[in-house]
Amino acid sequence: MAERKPKDDLTKLTFEQAIGQLKEIVNKIEQGQIPLQDSLDQYEKGMALIKHCRDILQKAEKRIEKISREEPSEPPEEPEEDPEPLLRG
């Protein structure tokens, strides 16, 4: 029997790695390549991966909101100079 990895190991995965693992799990379950008990274990792992992905997305969303609040929505307007005094000189 394969050794189980602690759920904490999932937190070390990047978003892309977690999505890749989810795709593998879905493919295995859909193709019926694994016994029922293993399917249930994989389903449980998949749900943990989904939660991990959601956490990553929520952190990214909060970071974007923070950046948006810090950045001015429009560049500050510079005072326009009257070009005529330069032409008269």
C-alpha atoms as a PDB file:
ATOM      1  CA  MET A   1       0.000   0.000   0.000  1.00  0.00           C
ATOM      2  CA  ALA A   2       1.275   3.474  -0.861  1.00  0.00           C
ATOM      3  CA  GLU A   3       2.390   5.727   1.944  1.00  0.00           C
ATOM      4  CA  ARG A   4       0.032   8.606   2.589  1.00  0.00           C
ATOM      5  CA  LYS A   5       1.375  12.124   2.593  1.00  0.00           C
ATOM      6  CA  PRO A   6       0.166  14.442   5.333  1.00  0.00           C
ATOM      7  CA  LYS A   7      -2.370  17.033   4.248  1.00  0.00           C
ATOM      8  CA  ASP A   8       0.185  19.701   5.212  1.00  0.00           C
ATOM      9  CA  ASP A   9       2.177  18.682   2.144  1.00  0.00           C
ATOM     10  CA  LEU A  10      -0.644  20.082   0.019  1.00  0.00           C
ATOM     11  CA  THR A  11       0.051  23.569   1.322  1.00  0.00           C
ATOM     12  CA  LYS A  12       3.476  23.442  -0.320  1.00  0.00           C
ATOM     13  CA  LEU A  13       1.964  22.950  -3.774  1.00  0.00           C
ATOM     14  CA  THR A  14       1.598  25.809  -6.189  1.00  0.00           C
ATOM     15  CA  PHE A  15      -1.794  26.481  -7.708  1.00  0.00           C
ATOM     16  CA  GLU A  16      -0.687  24.910 -10.983  1.00  0.00           C
ATOM     17  CA  GLN A  17       0.657  21.784  -9.270  1.00  0.00           C
ATOM     18  CA  ALA A  18      -2.569  21.342  -7.314  1.00  0.00           C
ATOM     19  CA  ILE A  19      -4.674  21.703 -10.478  1.00  0.00           C
ATOM     20  CA  GLY A  20      -2.454  19.138 -12.204  1.00  0.00           C
ATOM     21  CA  GLN A  21      -2.988  16.654  -9.387  1.00  0.00           C
ATOM     22  CA  LEU A  22      -6.723  17.288  -9.473  1.00  0.00           C
ATOM     23  CA  LYS A  23      -6.798  16.513 -13.196  1.00  0.00           C
ATOM     24  CA  GLU A  24      -4.949  13.256 -12.602  1.00  0.00           C
ATOM     25  CA  ILE A  25      -7.381  12.244  -9.856  1.00  0.00           C
ATOM     26  CA  VAL A  26     -10.408  13.036 -12.003  1.00  0.00           C
ATOM     27  CA  ASN A  27      -8.995  11.052 -14.932  1.00  0.00           C
ATOM     28  CA  LYS A  28      -8.272   8.005 -12.756  1.00  0.00           C
ATOM     29  CA  ILE A  29     -11.718   8.041 -11.176  1.00  0.00           C
ATOM     30  CA  GLU A  30     -13.529   8.637 -14.478  1.00  0.00           C
ATOM     31  CA  GLN A  31     -11.650   5.839 -16.236  1.00  0.00           C
ATOM     32  CA  GLY A  32     -12.294   3.414 -13.391  1.00  0.00           C
ATOM     33  CA  GLN A  33      -8.592   2.657 -13.091  1.00  0.00           C
ATOM     34  CA  ILE A  34      -8.662   2.346  -9.305  1.00  0.00           C
ATOM     35  CA  PRO A  35     -10.696   0.325  -6.803  1.00  0.00           C
ATOM     36  CA  LEU A  36     -13.562   1.924  -4.888  1.00  0.00           C
ATOM     37  CA  GLN A  37     -11.643   2.458  -1.639  1.00  0.00           C
ATOM     38  CA  ASP A  38      -8.796   4.133  -3.523  1.00  0.00           C
ATOM     39  CA  SER A  39     -11.370   6.237  -5.384  1.00  0.00           C
ATOM     40  CA  LEU A  40     -12.723   7.447  -2.061  1.00  0.00           C
ATOM     41  CA  ASP A  41      -9.208   8.253  -0.853  1.00  0.00           C
ATOM     42  CA  GLN A  42      -8.486  10.108  -4.086  1.00  0.00           C
ATOM     43  CA  TYR A  43     -11.799  11.966  -3.795  1.00  0.00           C
ATOM     44  CA  GLU A  44     -10.842  13.058  -0.286  1.00  0.00           C
ATOM     45  CA  LYS A  45      -7.454  14.232  -1.532  1.00  0.00           C
ATOM     46  CA  GLY A  46      -9.170  16.048  -4.410  1.00  0.00           C
ATOM     47  CA  MET A  47     -11.405  17.925  -2.009  1.00  0.00           C
ATOM     48  CA  ALA A  48      -8.349  18.967   0.007  1.00  0.00           C
ATOM     49  CA  LEU A  49      -6.678  20.129  -3.211  1.00  0.00           C
ATOM     50  CA  ILE A  50      -9.765  22.163  -4.130  1.00  0.00           C
ATOM     51  CA  LYS A  51      -9.717  23.831  -0.716  1.00  0.00           C
ATOM     52  CA  HIS A  52      -6.007  24.598  -1.158  1.00  0.00           C
ATOM     53  CA  CYS A  53      -6.660  26.135  -4.595  1.00  0.00           C
ATOM     54  CA  ARG A  54      -9.482  28.257  -3.212  1.00  0.00           C
ATOM     55  CA  ASP A  55      -7.225  29.499  -0.423  1.00  0.00           C
ATOM     56  CA  ILE A  56      -4.567  30.482  -2.963  1.00  0.00           C
ATOM     57  CA  LEU A  57      -7.146  32.291  -5.105  1.00  0.00           C
ATOM     58  CA  GLN A  58      -8.567  34.150  -2.093  1.00  0.00           C
ATOM     59  CA  LYS A  59      -5.080  35.324  -1.098  1.00  0.00           C
ATOM     60  CA  ALA A  60      -4.430  36.475  -4.654  1.00  0.00           C
ATOM     61  CA  GLU A  61      -7.735  38.338  -4.725  1.00  0.00           C
ATOM     62  CA  LYS A  62      -6.954  40.097  -1.443  1.00  0.00           C
ATOM     63  CA  ARG A  63      -3.521  41.042  -2.746  1.00  0.00           C
ATOM     64  CA  ILE A  64      -5.032  42.484  -5.924  1.00  0.00           C
ATOM     65  CA  GLU A  65      -7.571  44.465  -3.881  1.00  0.00           C
ATOM     66  CA  LYS A  66      -4.762  45.822  -1.686  1.00  0.00           C
ATOM     67  CA  ILE A  67      -2.701  46.827  -4.714  1.00  0.00           C
ATOM     68  CA  SER A  68      -5.748  48.460  -6.299  1.00  0.00           C
ATOM     69  CA  ARG A  69      -6.390  50.518  -3.164  1.00  0.00           C
ATOM     70  CA  GLU A  70      -2.756  51.640  -2.965  1.00  0.00           C
ATOM     71  CA  GLU A  71      -2.435  52.623  -6.614  1.00  0.00           C
ATOM     72  CA  PRO A  72      -4.079  55.860  -7.671  1.00  0.00           C
ATOM     73  CA  SER A  73      -6.909  55.206 -10.087  1.00  0.00           C
ATOM     74  CA  GLU A  74      -5.745  58.005 -12.390  1.00  0.00           C
ATOM     75  CA  PRO A  75      -2.351  59.661 -12.694  1.00  0.00           C
ATOM     76  CA  PRO A  76      -2.153  63.049 -10.987  1.00  0.00           C
ATOM     77  CA  GLU A  77      -2.869  65.900 -13.316  1.00  0.00           C
ATOM     78  CA  GLU A  78       0.049  68.138 -14.104  1.00  0.00           C
ATOM     79  CA  PRO A  79      -0.693  71.847 -14.391  1.00  0.00           C
ATOM     80  CA  GLU A  80      -0.806  72.911 -17.990  1.00  0.00           C
ATOM     81  CA  GLU A  81       1.594  75.683 -18.925  1.00  0.00           C
ATOM     82  CA  ASP A  82       0.541  78.442 -21.218  1.00  0.00           C
ATOM     83  CA  PRO A  83       2.709  78.014 -24.346  1.00  0.00           C
ATOM     84  CA  GLU A  84       2.149  81.637 -25.496  1.00  0.00           C
ATOM     85  CA  PRO A  85       4.615  83.306 -23.066  1.00  0.00           C
ATOM     86  CA  LEU A  86       7.356  81.125 -24.529  1.00  0.00           C
ATOM     87  CA  LEU A  87       6.463  82.222 -28.030  1.00  0.00           C
ATOM     88  CA  ARG A  88       6.440  85.927 -27.154  1.00  0.00           C
ATOM     89  CA  GLY A  89       9.897  85.972 -25.519  1.00  0.00           C
END
